[in-house]
Amino acid sequence: MVSALITVAAIAWLSQLALGGWQIRQFNQAFDALCQRGRVGVGRSGGRFKPRVVLAVAFDKQDCVCDTLLMRGITVFARPAKINHLIGVKREELEPDVIFPHDPACQNALSLALKMKH
């Protein structure tokens, strides 16, 4: 019985490592594509038992959002997504509490992403 539990724990741990690596690879590919679009600001929020949020915003030469990346979740199954309604918005018009009125984690991540140097 003990060896079966150890085997299950080892399989779960190896699965976590493999899926975590896959998630990081997916994020890195999306982030690399975002960096090709313009200057990028990145913000991260979340805690140990709350869904973590990573938000990246790319700005063009006119300081408008040209692309975005949002990854949120607790598990290794979280995938990068776009925030299409931000594309084309000027940097000074971005207000985290208006864009994400009911999501403090996304508000915090966007605020941090906007603090990048001009």
PDB file of N, CA and C in Angstrom:
ATOM      1  N   MET A   1       0.819  -1.190   0.000  1.00  0.00           N
ATOM      2  CA  MET A   1       0.000   0.000   0.000  1.00  0.00           C
ATOM      3  C   MET A   1       0.872   1.268   0.000  1.00  0.00           C
ATOM      4  N   VAL A   2       1.933   1.267   0.799  1.00  0.00           N
ATOM      5  CA  VAL A   2       2.822   2.428   0.886  1.00  0.00           C
ATOM      6  C   VAL A   2       3.536   2.648  -0.440  1.00  0.00           C
ATOM      7  N   SER A   3       3.976   1.586  -1.085  1.00  0.00           N
ATOM      8  CA  SER A   3       4.672   1.739  -2.366  1.00  0.00           C
ATOM      9  C   SER A   3       3.712   2.260  -3.442  1.00  0.00           C
ATOM     10  N   ALA A   4       2.454   1.904  -3.376  1.00  0.00           N
ATOM     11  CA  ALA A   4       1.470   2.424  -4.335  1.00  0.00           C
ATOM     12  C   ALA A   4       1.282   3.930  -4.137  1.00  0.00           C
ATOM     13  N   LEU A   5       1.231   4.376  -2.891  1.00  0.00           N
ATOM     14  CA  LEU A   5       1.096   5.796  -2.598  1.00  0.00           C
ATOM     15  C   LEU A   5       2.326   6.575  -3.068  1.00  0.00           C
ATOM     16  N   ILE A   6       3.483   6.009  -2.846  1.00  0.00           N
ATOM     17  CA  ILE A   6       4.722   6.653  -3.291  1.00  0.00           C
ATOM     18  C   ILE A   6       4.750   6.734  -4.821  1.00  0.00           C
ATOM     19  N   THR A   7       4.307   5.687  -5.488  1.00  0.00           N
ATOM     20  CA  THR A   7       4.261   5.668  -6.947  1.00  0.00           C
ATOM     21  C   THR A   7       3.290   6.724  -7.472  1.00  0.00           C
ATOM     22  N   VAL A   8       2.116   6.821  -6.873  1.00  0.00           N
ATOM     23  CA  VAL A   8       1.128   7.827  -7.285  1.00  0.00           C
ATOM     24  C   VAL A   8       1.678   9.231  -7.051  1.00  0.00           C
ATOM     25  N   ALA A   9       2.320   9.455  -5.917  1.00  0.00           N
ATOM     26  CA  ALA A   9       2.906  10.766  -5.624  1.00  0.00           C
ATOM     27  C   ALA A   9       4.002  11.105  -6.632  1.00  0.00           C
ATOM     28  N   ALA A  10       4.826  10.136  -6.979  1.00  0.00           N
ATOM     29  CA  ALA A  10       5.898  10.374  -7.945  1.00  0.00           C
ATOM     30  C   ALA A  10       5.331  10.690  -9.326  1.00  0.00           C
ATOM     31  N   ILE A  11       4.285   9.978  -9.727  1.00  0.00           N
ATOM     32  CA  ILE A  11       3.650  10.243 -11.026  1.00  0.00           C
ATOM     33  C   ILE A  11       3.026  11.634 -11.032  1.00  0.00           C
ATOM     34  N   ALA A  12       2.366  12.006  -9.939  1.00  0.00           N
ATOM     35  CA  ALA A  12       1.753  13.332  -9.840  1.00  0.00           C
ATOM     36  C   ALA A  12       2.826  14.417  -9.905  1.00  0.00           C
ATOM     37  N   TRP A  13       3.927  14.216  -9.231  1.00  0.00           N
ATOM     38  CA  TRP A  13       5.005  15.194  -9.227  1.00  0.00           C
ATOM     39  C   TRP A  13       5.618  15.347 -10.622  1.00  0.00           C
ATOM     40  N   LEU A  14       5.871  14.225 -11.292  1.00  0.00           N
ATOM     41  CA  LEU A  14       6.429  14.271 -12.645  1.00  0.00           C
ATOM     42  C   LEU A  14       5.449  14.919 -13.621  1.00  0.00           C
ATOM     43  N   SER A  15       4.170  14.649 -13.453  1.00  0.00           N
ATOM     44  CA  SER A  15       3.155  15.280 -14.297  1.00  0.00           C
ATOM     45  C   SER A  15       3.139  16.789 -14.079  1.00  0.00           C
ATOM     46  N   GLN A  16       3.247  17.196 -12.833  1.00  0.00           N
ATOM     47  CA  GLN A  16       3.287  18.625 -12.510  1.00  0.00           C
ATOM     48  C   GLN A  16       4.491  19.290 -13.174  1.00  0.00           C
ATOM     49  N   LEU A  17       5.639  18.652 -13.118  1.00  0.00           N
ATOM     50  CA  LEU A  17       6.840  19.195 -13.762  1.00  0.00           C
ATOM     51  C   LEU A  17       6.657  19.315 -15.272  1.00  0.00           C
ATOM     52  N   ALA A  18       6.121  18.276 -15.898  1.00  0.00           N
ATOM     53  CA  ALA A  18       5.939  18.287 -17.349  1.00  0.00           C
ATOM     54  C   ALA A  18       4.925  19.344 -17.769  1.00  0.00           C
ATOM     55  N   LEU A  19       3.790  19.402 -17.086  1.00  0.00           N
ATOM     56  CA  LEU A  19       2.765  20.382 -17.442  1.00  0.00           C
ATOM     57  C   LEU A  19       3.203  21.804 -17.123  1.00  0.00           C
ATOM     58  N   GLY A  20       3.957  21.990 -16.050  1.00  0.00           N
ATOM     59  CA  GLY A  20       4.497  23.307 -15.728  1.00  0.00           C
ATOM     60  C   GLY A  20       5.467  23.789 -16.798  1.00  0.00           C
ATOM     61  N   GLY A  21       6.307  22.897 -17.266  1.00  0.00           N
ATOM     62  CA  GLY A  21       7.236  23.236 -18.347  1.00  0.00           C
ATOM     63  C   GLY A  21       6.508  23.599 -19.626  1.00  0.00           C
ATOM     64  N   TRP A  22       5.439  22.869 -19.925  1.00  0.00           N
ATOM     65  CA  TRP A  22       4.627  23.147 -21.104  1.00  0.00           C
ATOM     66  C   TRP A  22       3.977  24.530 -20.988  1.00  0.00           C
ATOM     67  N   GLN A  23       3.472  24.857 -19.788  1.00  0.00           N
ATOM     68  CA  GLN A  23       2.852  26.159 -19.564  1.00  0.00           C
ATOM     69  C   GLN A  23       3.875  27.285 -19.737  1.00  0.00           C
ATOM     70  N   ILE A  24       5.050  27.131 -19.193  1.00  0.00           N
ATOM     71  CA  ILE A  24       6.094  28.145 -19.316  1.00  0.00           C
ATOM     72  C   ILE A  24       6.493  28.322 -20.782  1.00  0.00           C
ATOM     73  N   ARG A  25       6.605  27.246 -21.516  1.00  0.00           N
ATOM     74  CA  ARG A  25       6.956  27.320 -22.933  1.00  0.00           C
ATOM     75  C   ARG A  25       5.870  28.075 -23.719  1.00  0.00           C
ATOM     76  N   GLN A  26       4.597  27.781 -23.421  1.00  0.00           N
ATOM     77  CA  GLN A  26       3.482  28.485 -24.078  1.00  0.00           C
ATOM     78  C   GLN A  26       3.548  29.987 -23.786  1.00  0.00           C
ATOM     79  N   PHE A  27       3.764  30.336 -22.514  1.00  0.00           N
ATOM     80  CA  PHE A  27       3.838  31.741 -22.126  1.00  0.00           C
ATOM     81  C   PHE A  27       5.016  32.425 -22.798  1.00  0.00           C
ATOM     82  N   ASN A  28       6.175  31.793 -22.799  1.00  0.00           N
ATOM     83  CA  ASN A  28       7.370  32.396 -23.397  1.00  0.00           C
ATOM     84  C   ASN A  28       7.187  32.653 -24.887  1.00  0.00           C
ATOM     85  N   GLN A  29       6.533  31.737 -25.589  1.00  0.00           N
ATOM     86  CA  GLN A  29       6.274  31.940 -27.015  1.00  0.00           C
ATOM     87  C   GLN A  29       5.352  33.140 -27.226  1.00  0.00           C
ATOM     88  N   ALA A  30       4.284  33.232 -26.428  1.00  0.00           N
ATOM     89  CA  ALA A  30       3.355  34.357 -26.544  1.00  0.00           C
ATOM     90  C   ALA A  30       4.049  35.661 -26.167  1.00  0.00           C
ATOM     91  N   PHE A  31       4.892  35.635 -25.145  1.00  0.00           N
ATOM     92  CA  PHE A  31       5.592  36.838 -24.704  1.00  0.00           C
ATOM     93  C   PHE A  31       6.612  37.296 -25.742  1.00  0.00           C
ATOM     94  N   ASP A  32       7.332  36.357 -26.346  1.00  0.00           N
ATOM     95  CA  ASP A  32       8.288  36.709 -27.401  1.00  0.00           C
ATOM     96  C   ASP A  32       7.580  37.389 -28.571  1.00  0.00           C
ATOM     97  N   ALA A  33       6.423  36.857 -28.950  1.00  0.00           N
ATOM     98  CA  ALA A  33       5.652  37.464 -30.039  1.00  0.00           C
ATOM     99  C   ALA A  33       5.199  38.870 -29.647  1.00  0.00           C
ATOM    100  N   LEU A  34       4.819  39.069 -28.396  1.00  0.00           N
ATOM    101  CA  LEU A  34       4.393  40.377 -27.907  1.00  0.00           C
ATOM    102  C   LEU A  34       5.545  41.375 -27.951  1.00  0.00           C
ATOM    103  N   CYS A  35       6.723  40.938 -27.567  1.00  0.00           N
ATOM    104  CA  CYS A  35       7.898  41.824 -27.548  1.00  0.00           C
ATOM    105  C   CYS A  35       8.280  42.283 -28.953  1.00  0.00           C
ATOM    106  N   GLN A  36       7.926  41.526 -29.970  1.00  0.00           N
ATOM    107  CA  GLN A  36       8.203  41.922 -31.349  1.00  0.00           C
ATOM    108  C   GLN A  36       7.319  43.085 -31.790  1.00  0.00           C
ATOM    109  N   ARG A  37       6.218  43.316 -31.078  1.00  0.00           N
ATOM    110  CA  ARG A  37       5.239  44.325 -31.474  1.00  0.00           C
ATOM    111  C   ARG A  37       5.589  45.733 -31.009  1.00  0.00           C
ATOM    112  N   GLY A  38       6.322  45.875 -29.915  1.00  0.00           N
ATOM    113  CA  GLY A  38       6.656  47.203 -29.403  1.00  0.00           C
ATOM    114  C   GLY A  38       7.218  47.125 -27.994  1.00  0.00           C
ATOM    115  N   ARG A  39       7.218  48.303 -27.310  1.00  0.00           N
ATOM    116  CA  ARG A  39       7.697  48.342 -25.927  1.00  0.00           C
ATOM    117  C   ARG A  39       6.677  47.645 -25.042  1.00  0.00           C
ATOM    118  N   VAL A  40       7.149  46.842 -24.108  1.00  0.00           N
ATOM    119  CA  VAL A  40       6.258  45.996 -23.315  1.00  0.00           C
ATOM    120  C   VAL A  40       6.384  46.322 -21.832  1.00  0.00           C
ATOM    121  N   GLY A  41       5.230  46.472 -21.191  1.00  0.00           N
ATOM    122  CA  GLY A  41       5.156  46.600 -19.740  1.00  0.00           C
ATOM    123  C   GLY A  41       4.520  45.341 -19.183  1.00  0.00           C
ATOM    124  N   VAL A  42       5.065  44.830 -18.089  1.00  0.00           N
ATOM    125  CA  VAL A  42       4.566  43.589 -17.497  1.00  0.00           C
ATOM    126  C   VAL A  42       4.186  43.836 -16.047  1.00  0.00           C
ATOM    127  N   GLY A  43       3.043  43.291 -15.662  1.00  0.00           N
ATOM    128  CA  GLY A  43       2.597  43.369 -14.276  1.00  0.00           C
ATOM    129  C   GLY A  43       2.158  41.999 -13.802  1.00  0.00           C
ATOM    130  N   ARG A  44       2.378  41.740 -12.530  1.00  0.00           N
ATOM    131  CA  ARG A  44       2.029  40.441 -11.958  1.00  0.00           C
ATOM    132  C   ARG A  44       1.384  40.672 -10.602  1.00  0.00           C
ATOM    133  N   SER A  45       0.330  39.943 -10.343  1.00  0.00           N
ATOM    134  CA  SER A  45      -0.293  40.014  -9.024  1.00  0.00           C
ATOM    135  C   SER A  45      -0.782  38.627  -8.649  1.00  0.00           C
ATOM    136  N   GLY A  46      -1.209  38.511  -7.438  1.00  0.00           N
ATOM    137  CA  GLY A  46      -1.740  37.236  -6.977  1.00  0.00           C
ATOM    138  C   GLY A  46      -1.022  36.804  -5.731  1.00  0.00           C
ATOM    139  N   GLY A  47      -1.568  35.810  -5.128  1.00  0.00           N
ATOM    140  CA  GLY A  47      -0.996  35.309  -3.895  1.00  0.00           C
ATOM    141  C   GLY A  47      -0.890  33.807  -3.920  1.00  0.00           C
ATOM    142  N   ARG A  48      -0.636  33.262  -2.767  1.00  0.00           N
ATOM    143  CA  ARG A  48      -0.434  31.833  -2.677  1.00  0.00           C
ATOM    144  C   ARG A  48      -1.707  31.040  -2.953  1.00  0.00           C
ATOM    145  N   PHE A  49      -2.843  31.529  -2.476  1.00  0.00           N
ATOM    146  CA  PHE A  49      -4.085  30.786  -2.632  1.00  0.00           C
ATOM    147  C   PHE A  49      -5.109  31.519  -3.482  1.00  0.00           C
ATOM    148  N   LYS A  50      -4.690  32.570  -4.169  1.00  0.00           N
ATOM    149  CA  LYS A  50      -5.560  33.296  -5.087  1.00  0.00           C
ATOM    150  C   LYS A  50      -5.027  33.065  -6.497  1.00  0.00           C
ATOM    151  N   PRO A  51      -5.907  33.172  -7.498  1.00  0.00           N
ATOM    152  CA  PRO A  51      -5.410  33.024  -8.874  1.00  0.00           C
ATOM    153  C   PRO A  51      -4.379  34.114  -9.180  1.00  0.00           C
ATOM    154  N   ARG A  52      -3.274  33.712  -9.721  1.00  0.00           N
ATOM    155  CA  ARG A  52      -2.241  34.681 -10.102  1.00  0.00           C
ATOM    156  C   ARG A  52      -2.587  35.258 -11.458  1.00  0.00           C
ATOM    157  N   VAL A  53      -2.164  36.479 -11.648  1.00  0.00           N
ATOM    158  CA  VAL A  53      -2.411  37.170 -12.912  1.00  0.00           C
ATOM    159  C   VAL A  53      -1.092  37.733 -13.415  1.00  0.00           C
ATOM    160  N   VAL A  54      -0.784  37.451 -14.672  1.00  0.00           N
ATOM    161  CA  VAL A  54       0.349  38.078 -15.358  1.00  0.00           C
ATOM    162  C   VAL A  54      -0.253  38.798 -16.557  1.00  0.00           C
ATOM    163  N   LEU A  55       0.012  40.093 -16.644  1.00  0.00           N
ATOM    164  CA  LEU A  55      -0.549  40.901 -17.717  1.00  0.00           C
ATOM    165  C   LEU A  55       0.589  41.671 -18.372  1.00  0.00           C
ATOM    166  N   ALA A  56       0.661  41.600 -19.683  1.00  0.00           N
ATOM    167  CA  ALA A  56       1.684  42.324 -20.435  1.00  0.00           C
ATOM    168  C   ALA A  56       0.995  43.143 -21.516  1.00  0.00           C
ATOM    169  N   VAL A  57       1.470  44.368 -21.699  1.00  0.00           N
ATOM    170  CA  VAL A  57       0.895  45.287 -22.672  1.00  0.00           C
ATOM    171  C   VAL A  57       2.015  45.818 -23.554  1.00  0.00           C
ATOM    172  N   ALA A  58       1.830  45.724 -24.872  1.00  0.00           N
ATOM    173  CA  ALA A  58       2.807  46.258 -25.826  1.00  0.00           C
ATOM    174  C   ALA A  58       2.286  47.573 -26.377  1.00  0.00           C
ATOM    175  N   PHE A  59       3.166  48.575 -26.422  1.00  0.00           N
ATOM    176  CA  PHE A  59       2.814  49.897 -26.930  1.00  0.00           C
ATOM    177  C   PHE A  59       3.591  50.191 -28.208  1.00  0.00           C
ATOM    178  N   ASP A  60       2.909  50.811 -29.167  1.00  0.00           N
ATOM    179  CA  ASP A  60       3.571  51.210 -30.401  1.00  0.00           C
ATOM    180  C   ASP A  60       4.252  52.574 -30.221  1.00  0.00           C
ATOM    181  N   LYS A  61       4.751  53.149 -31.296  1.00  0.00           N
ATOM    182  CA  LYS A  61       5.480  54.424 -31.219  1.00  0.00           C
ATOM    183  C   LYS A  61       4.577  55.598 -30.861  1.00  0.00           C
ATOM    184  N   GLN A  62       3.273  55.464 -31.099  1.00  0.00           N
ATOM    185  CA  GLN A  62       2.330  56.525 -30.750  1.00  0.00           C
ATOM    186  C   GLN A  62       1.786  56.341 -29.330  1.00  0.00           C
ATOM    187  N   ASP A  63       2.336  55.412 -28.578  1.00  0.00           N
ATOM    188  CA  ASP A  63       1.937  55.107 -27.209  1.00  0.00           C
ATOM    189  C   ASP A  63       0.514  54.573 -27.111  1.00  0.00           C
ATOM    190  N   CYS A  64       0.105  53.828 -28.136  1.00  0.00           N
ATOM    191  CA  CYS A  64      -1.186  53.130 -28.128  1.00  0.00           C
ATOM    192  C   CYS A  64      -0.930  51.638 -27.914  1.00  0.00           C
ATOM    193  N   VAL A  65      -1.874  50.970 -27.298  1.00  0.00           N
ATOM    194  CA  VAL A  65      -1.760  49.530 -27.091  1.00  0.00           C
ATOM    195  C   VAL A  65      -1.852  48.845 -28.447  1.00  0.00           C
ATOM    196  N   CYS A  66      -0.835  48.060 -28.792  1.00  0.00           N
ATOM    197  CA  CYS A  66      -0.870  47.324 -30.055  1.00  0.00           C
ATOM    198  C   CYS A  66      -1.061  45.827 -29.848  1.00  0.00           C
ATOM    199  N   ASP A  67      -0.840  45.346 -28.630  1.00  0.00           N
ATOM    200  CA  ASP A  67      -1.074  43.935 -28.341  1.00  0.00           C
ATOM    201  C   ASP A  67      -1.063  43.732 -26.827  1.00  0.00           C
ATOM    202  N   THR A  68      -1.682  42.657 -26.383  1.00  0.00           N
ATOM    203  CA  THR A  68      -1.767  42.361 -24.952  1.00  0.00           C
ATOM    204  C   THR A  68      -1.606  40.862 -24.719  1.00  0.00           C
ATOM    205  N   LEU A  69      -1.343  40.535 -23.466  1.00  0.00           N
ATOM    206  CA  LEU A  69      -1.245  39.142 -23.055  1.00  0.00           C
ATOM    207  C   LEU A  69      -1.729  39.067 -21.610  1.00  0.00           C
ATOM    208  N   LEU A  70      -2.641  38.165 -21.345  1.00  0.00           N
ATOM    209  CA  LEU A  70      -3.163  37.977 -19.993  1.00  0.00           C
ATOM    210  C   LEU A  70      -3.140  36.494 -19.684  1.00  0.00           C
ATOM    211  N   MET A  71      -2.532  36.159 -18.557  1.00  0.00           N
ATOM    212  CA  MET A  71      -2.539  34.778 -18.099  1.00  0.00           C
ATOM    213  C   MET A  71      -2.977  34.785 -16.650  1.00  0.00           C
ATOM    214  N   ARG A  72      -4.043  34.037 -16.367  1.00  0.00           N
ATOM    215  CA  ARG A  72      -4.577  34.021 -15.015  1.00  0.00           C
ATOM    216  C   ARG A  72      -4.970  32.590 -14.670  1.00  0.00           C
ATOM    217  N   GLY A  73      -4.719  32.230 -13.410  1.00  0.00           N
ATOM    218  CA  GLY A  73      -5.143  30.917 -12.960  1.00  0.00           C
ATOM    219  C   GLY A  73      -4.291  30.387 -11.832  1.00  0.00           C
ATOM    220  N   ILE A  74      -4.736  29.270 -11.311  1.00  0.00           N
ATOM    221  CA  ILE A  74      -4.038  28.615 -10.208  1.00  0.00           C
ATOM    222  C   ILE A  74      -3.287  27.386 -10.709  1.00  0.00           C
ATOM    223  N   THR A  75      -3.810  26.759 -11.744  1.00  0.00           N
ATOM    224  CA  THR A  75      -3.267  25.475 -12.198  1.00  0.00           C
ATOM    225  C   THR A  75      -2.327  25.652 -13.389  1.00  0.00           C
ATOM    226  N   VAL A  76      -1.715  24.559 -13.782  1.00  0.00           N
ATOM    227  CA  VAL A  76      -0.827  24.558 -14.941  1.00  0.00           C
ATOM    228  C   VAL A  76      -1.619  24.603 -16.244  1.00  0.00           C
ATOM    229  N   PHE A  77      -2.943  24.592 -16.163  1.00  0.00           N
ATOM    230  CA  PHE A  77      -3.764  24.632 -17.361  1.00  0.00           C
ATOM    231  C   PHE A  77      -4.123  26.054 -17.786  1.00  0.00           C
ATOM    232  N   ALA A  78      -3.652  27.073 -17.063  1.00  0.00           N
ATOM    233  CA  ALA A  78      -3.883  28.461 -17.457  1.00  0.00           C
ATOM    234  C   ALA A  78      -3.114  28.730 -18.748  1.00  0.00           C
ATOM    235  N   ARG A  79      -3.756  29.418 -19.677  1.00  0.00           N
ATOM    236  CA  ARG A  79      -3.158  29.706 -20.980  1.00  0.00           C
ATOM    237  C   ARG A  79      -3.135  31.210 -21.226  1.00  0.00           C
ATOM    238  N   PRO A  80      -2.155  31.708 -21.984  1.00  0.00           N
ATOM    239  CA  PRO A  80      -2.123  33.131 -22.331  1.00  0.00           C
ATOM    240  C   PRO A  80      -3.311  33.479 -23.226  1.00  0.00           C
ATOM    241  N   ALA A  81      -3.905  34.654 -22.974  1.00  0.00           N
ATOM    242  CA  ALA A  81      -5.035  35.139 -23.774  1.00  0.00           C
ATOM    243  C   ALA A  81      -4.810  36.605 -24.106  1.00  0.00           C
ATOM    244  N   LYS A  82      -5.549  37.105 -25.081  1.00  0.00           N
ATOM    245  CA  LYS A  82      -5.477  38.510 -25.482  1.00  0.00           C
ATOM    246  C   LYS A  82      -6.621  39.278 -24.814  1.00  0.00           C
ATOM    247  N   ILE A  83      -6.417  40.574 -24.638  1.00  0.00           N
ATOM    248  CA  ILE A  83      -7.473  41.471 -24.170  1.00  0.00           C
ATOM    249  C   ILE A  83      -7.755  42.408 -25.347  1.00  0.00           C
ATOM    250  N   ASN A  84      -8.628  41.972 -26.234  1.00  0.00           N
ATOM    251  CA  ASN A  84      -8.840  42.678 -27.498  1.00  0.00           C
ATOM    252  C   ASN A  84      -9.403  44.083 -27.333  1.00  0.00           C
ATOM    253  N   HIS A  85     -10.206  44.318 -26.297  1.00  0.00           N
ATOM    254  CA  HIS A  85     -10.813  45.647 -26.164  1.00  0.00           C
ATOM    255  C   HIS A  85      -9.810  46.728 -25.741  1.00  0.00           C
ATOM    256  N   LEU A  86      -8.580  46.363 -25.419  1.00  0.00           N
ATOM    257  CA  LEU A  86      -7.561  47.364 -25.081  1.00  0.00           C
ATOM    258  C   LEU A  86      -6.758  47.822 -26.297  1.00  0.00           C
ATOM    259  N   ILE A  87      -6.799  47.064 -27.371  1.00  0.00           N
ATOM    260  CA  ILE A  87      -5.979  47.375 -28.539  1.00  0.00           C
ATOM    261  C   ILE A  87      -6.451  48.684 -29.166  1.00  0.00           C
ATOM    262  N   GLY A  88      -5.498  49.591 -29.361  1.00  0.00           N
ATOM    263  CA  GLY A  88      -5.776  50.894 -29.944  1.00  0.00           C
ATOM    264  C   GLY A  88      -5.983  52.001 -28.922  1.00  0.00           C
ATOM    265  N   VAL A  89      -6.062  51.647 -27.652  1.00  0.00           N
ATOM    266  CA  VAL A  89      -6.282  52.640 -26.603  1.00  0.00           C
ATOM    267  C   VAL A  89      -4.956  53.325 -26.255  1.00  0.00           C
ATOM    268  N   LYS A  90      -5.007  54.654 -26.091  1.00  0.00           N
ATOM    269  CA  LYS A  90      -3.805  55.397 -25.715  1.00  0.00           C
ATOM    270  C   LYS A  90      -3.427  55.057 -24.275  1.00  0.00           C
ATOM    271  N   ARG A  91      -2.142  55.098 -24.000  1.00  0.00           N
ATOM    272  CA  ARG A  91      -1.623  54.747 -22.672  1.00  0.00           C
ATOM    273  C   ARG A  91      -2.255  55.573 -21.557  1.00  0.00           C
ATOM    274  N   GLU A  92      -2.388  56.878 -21.760  1.00  0.00           N
ATOM    275  CA  GLU A  92      -2.930  57.727 -20.701  1.00  0.00           C
ATOM    276  C   GLU A  92      -4.424  57.509 -20.470  1.00  0.00           C
ATOM    277  N   GLU A  93      -5.098  56.820 -21.383  1.00  0.00           N
ATOM    278  CA  GLU A  93      -6.530  56.531 -21.224  1.00  0.00           C
ATOM    279  C   GLU A  93      -6.787  55.209 -20.487  1.00  0.00           C
ATOM    280  N   LEU A  94      -5.744  54.463 -20.213  1.00  0.00           N
ATOM    281  CA  LEU A  94      -5.905  53.172 -19.540  1.00  0.00           C
ATOM    282  C   LEU A  94      -6.103  53.390 -18.038  1.00  0.00           C
ATOM    283  N   GLU A  95      -7.251  53.025 -17.550  1.00  0.00           N
ATOM    284  CA  GLU A  95      -7.570  53.126 -16.134  1.00  0.00           C
ATOM    285  C   GLU A  95      -7.925  51.734 -15.618  1.00  0.00           C
ATOM    286  N   PRO A  96      -7.027  51.129 -14.839  1.00  0.00           N
ATOM    287  CA  PRO A  96      -7.241  49.744 -14.398  1.00  0.00           C
ATOM    288  C   PRO A  96      -8.576  49.498 -13.696  1.00  0.00           C
ATOM    289  N   ASP A  97      -9.016  50.441 -12.856  1.00  0.00           N
ATOM    290  CA  ASP A  97     -10.263  50.218 -12.129  1.00  0.00           C
ATOM    291  C   ASP A  97     -11.488  50.330 -13.026  1.00  0.00           C
ATOM    292  N   VAL A  98     -11.370  51.000 -14.166  1.00  0.00           N
ATOM    293  CA  VAL A  98     -12.477  51.076 -15.126  1.00  0.00           C
ATOM    294  C   VAL A  98     -12.465  49.856 -16.048  1.00  0.00           C
ATOM    295  N   ILE A  99     -11.274  49.430 -16.448  1.00  0.00           N
ATOM    296  CA  ILE A  99     -11.143  48.298 -17.368  1.00  0.00           C
ATOM    297  C   ILE A  99     -11.512  46.988 -16.678  1.00  0.00           C
ATOM    298  N   PHE A 100     -11.089  46.824 -15.426  1.00  0.00           N
ATOM    299  CA  PHE A 100     -11.382  45.611 -14.653  1.00  0.00           C
ATOM    300  C   PHE A 100     -12.109  46.004 -13.359  1.00  0.00           C
ATOM    301  N   PRO A 101     -13.388  46.423 -13.451  1.00  0.00           N
ATOM    302  CA  PRO A 101     -14.067  46.957 -12.257  1.00  0.00           C
ATOM    303  C   PRO A 101     -14.253  45.949 -11.126  1.00  0.00           C
ATOM    304  N   HIS A 102     -14.326  44.673 -11.443  1.00  0.00           N
ATOM    305  CA  HIS A 102     -14.592  43.662 -10.414  1.00  0.00           C
ATOM    306  C   HIS A 102     -13.451  42.675 -10.240  1.00  0.00           C
ATOM    307  N   ASP A 103     -12.263  43.048 -10.675  1.00  0.00           N
ATOM    308  CA  ASP A 103     -11.130  42.124 -10.623  1.00  0.00           C
ATOM    309  C   ASP A 103      -9.884  42.848 -10.101  1.00  0.00           C
ATOM    310  N   PRO A 104      -9.720  42.899  -8.755  1.00  0.00           N
ATOM    311  CA  PRO A 104      -8.574  43.609  -8.177  1.00  0.00           C
ATOM    312  C   PRO A 104      -7.221  43.054  -8.623  1.00  0.00           C
ATOM    313  N   ALA A 105      -7.131  41.759  -8.866  1.00  0.00           N
ATOM    314  CA  ALA A 105      -5.854  41.176  -9.291  1.00  0.00           C
ATOM    315  C   ALA A 105      -5.455  41.716 -10.665  1.00  0.00           C
ATOM    316  N   CYS A 106      -6.400  41.800 -11.594  1.00  0.00           N
ATOM    317  CA  CYS A 106      -6.109  42.349 -12.922  1.00  0.00           C
ATOM    318  C   CYS A 106      -5.834  43.847 -12.838  1.00  0.00           C
ATOM    319  N   GLN A 107      -6.543  44.545 -11.964  1.00  0.00           N
ATOM    320  CA  GLN A 107      -6.280  45.977 -11.765  1.00  0.00           C
ATOM    321  C   GLN A 107      -4.837  46.195 -11.323  1.00  0.00           C
ATOM    322  N   ASN A 108      -4.404  45.416 -10.348  1.00  0.00           N
ATOM    323  CA  ASN A 108      -3.041  45.540  -9.830  1.00  0.00           C
ATOM    324  C   ASN A 108      -2.017  45.205 -10.907  1.00  0.00           C
ATOM    325  N   ALA A 109      -2.240  44.113 -11.650  1.00  0.00           N
ATOM    326  CA  ALA A 109      -1.302  43.718 -12.689  1.00  0.00           C
ATOM    327  C   ALA A 109      -1.209  44.786 -13.786  1.00  0.00           C
ATOM    328  N   LEU A 110      -2.344  45.362 -14.192  1.00  0.00           N
ATOM    329  CA  LEU A 110      -2.323  46.408 -15.217  1.00  0.00           C
ATOM    330  C   LEU A 110      -1.616  47.656 -14.692  1.00  0.00           C
ATOM    331  N   SER A 111      -1.870  48.011 -13.439  1.00  0.00           N
ATOM    332  CA  SER A 111      -1.177  49.171 -12.864  1.00  0.00           C
ATOM    333  C   SER A 111       0.335  48.990 -12.903  1.00  0.00           C
ATOM    334  N   LEU A 112       0.792  47.802 -12.558  1.00  0.00           N
ATOM    335  CA  LEU A 112       2.237  47.526 -12.584  1.00  0.00           C
ATOM    336  C   LEU A 112       2.773  47.540 -14.010  1.00  0.00           C
ATOM    337  N   ALA A 113       1.999  47.022 -14.960  1.00  0.00           N
ATOM    338  CA  ALA A 113       2.436  47.005 -16.354  1.00  0.00           C
ATOM    339  C   ALA A 113       2.548  48.422 -16.905  1.00  0.00           C
ATOM    340  N   LEU A 114       1.699  49.332 -16.440  1.00  0.00           N
ATOM    341  CA  LEU A 114       1.719  50.705 -16.930  1.00  0.00           C
ATOM    342  C   LEU A 114       2.854  51.530 -16.335  1.00  0.00           C
ATOM    343  N   LYS A 115       3.514  51.040 -15.294  1.00  0.00           N
ATOM    344  CA  LYS A 115       4.601  51.780 -14.650  1.00  0.00           C
ATOM    345  C   LYS A 115       5.922  51.640 -15.379  1.00  0.00           C
ATOM    346  N   MET A 116       5.936  50.984 -16.531  1.00  0.00           N
ATOM    347  CA  MET A 116       7.173  50.861 -17.288  1.00  0.00           C
ATOM    348  C   MET A 116       7.658  52.240 -17.717  1.00  0.00           C
ATOM    349  N   LYS A 117       8.926  52.348 -17.904  1.00  0.00           N
ATOM    350  CA  LYS A 117       9.511  53.638 -18.309  1.00  0.00           C
ATOM    351  C   LYS A 117       9.157  53.930 -19.751  1.00  0.00           C
ATOM    352  N   HIS A 118       8.937  55.195 -20.027  1.00  0.00           N
ATOM    353  CA  HIS A 118       8.552  55.615 -21.385  1.00  0.00           C
ATOM    354  C   HIS A 118       9.709  55.474 -22.291  1.00  0.00           C
TER     355      HIS A 118
END
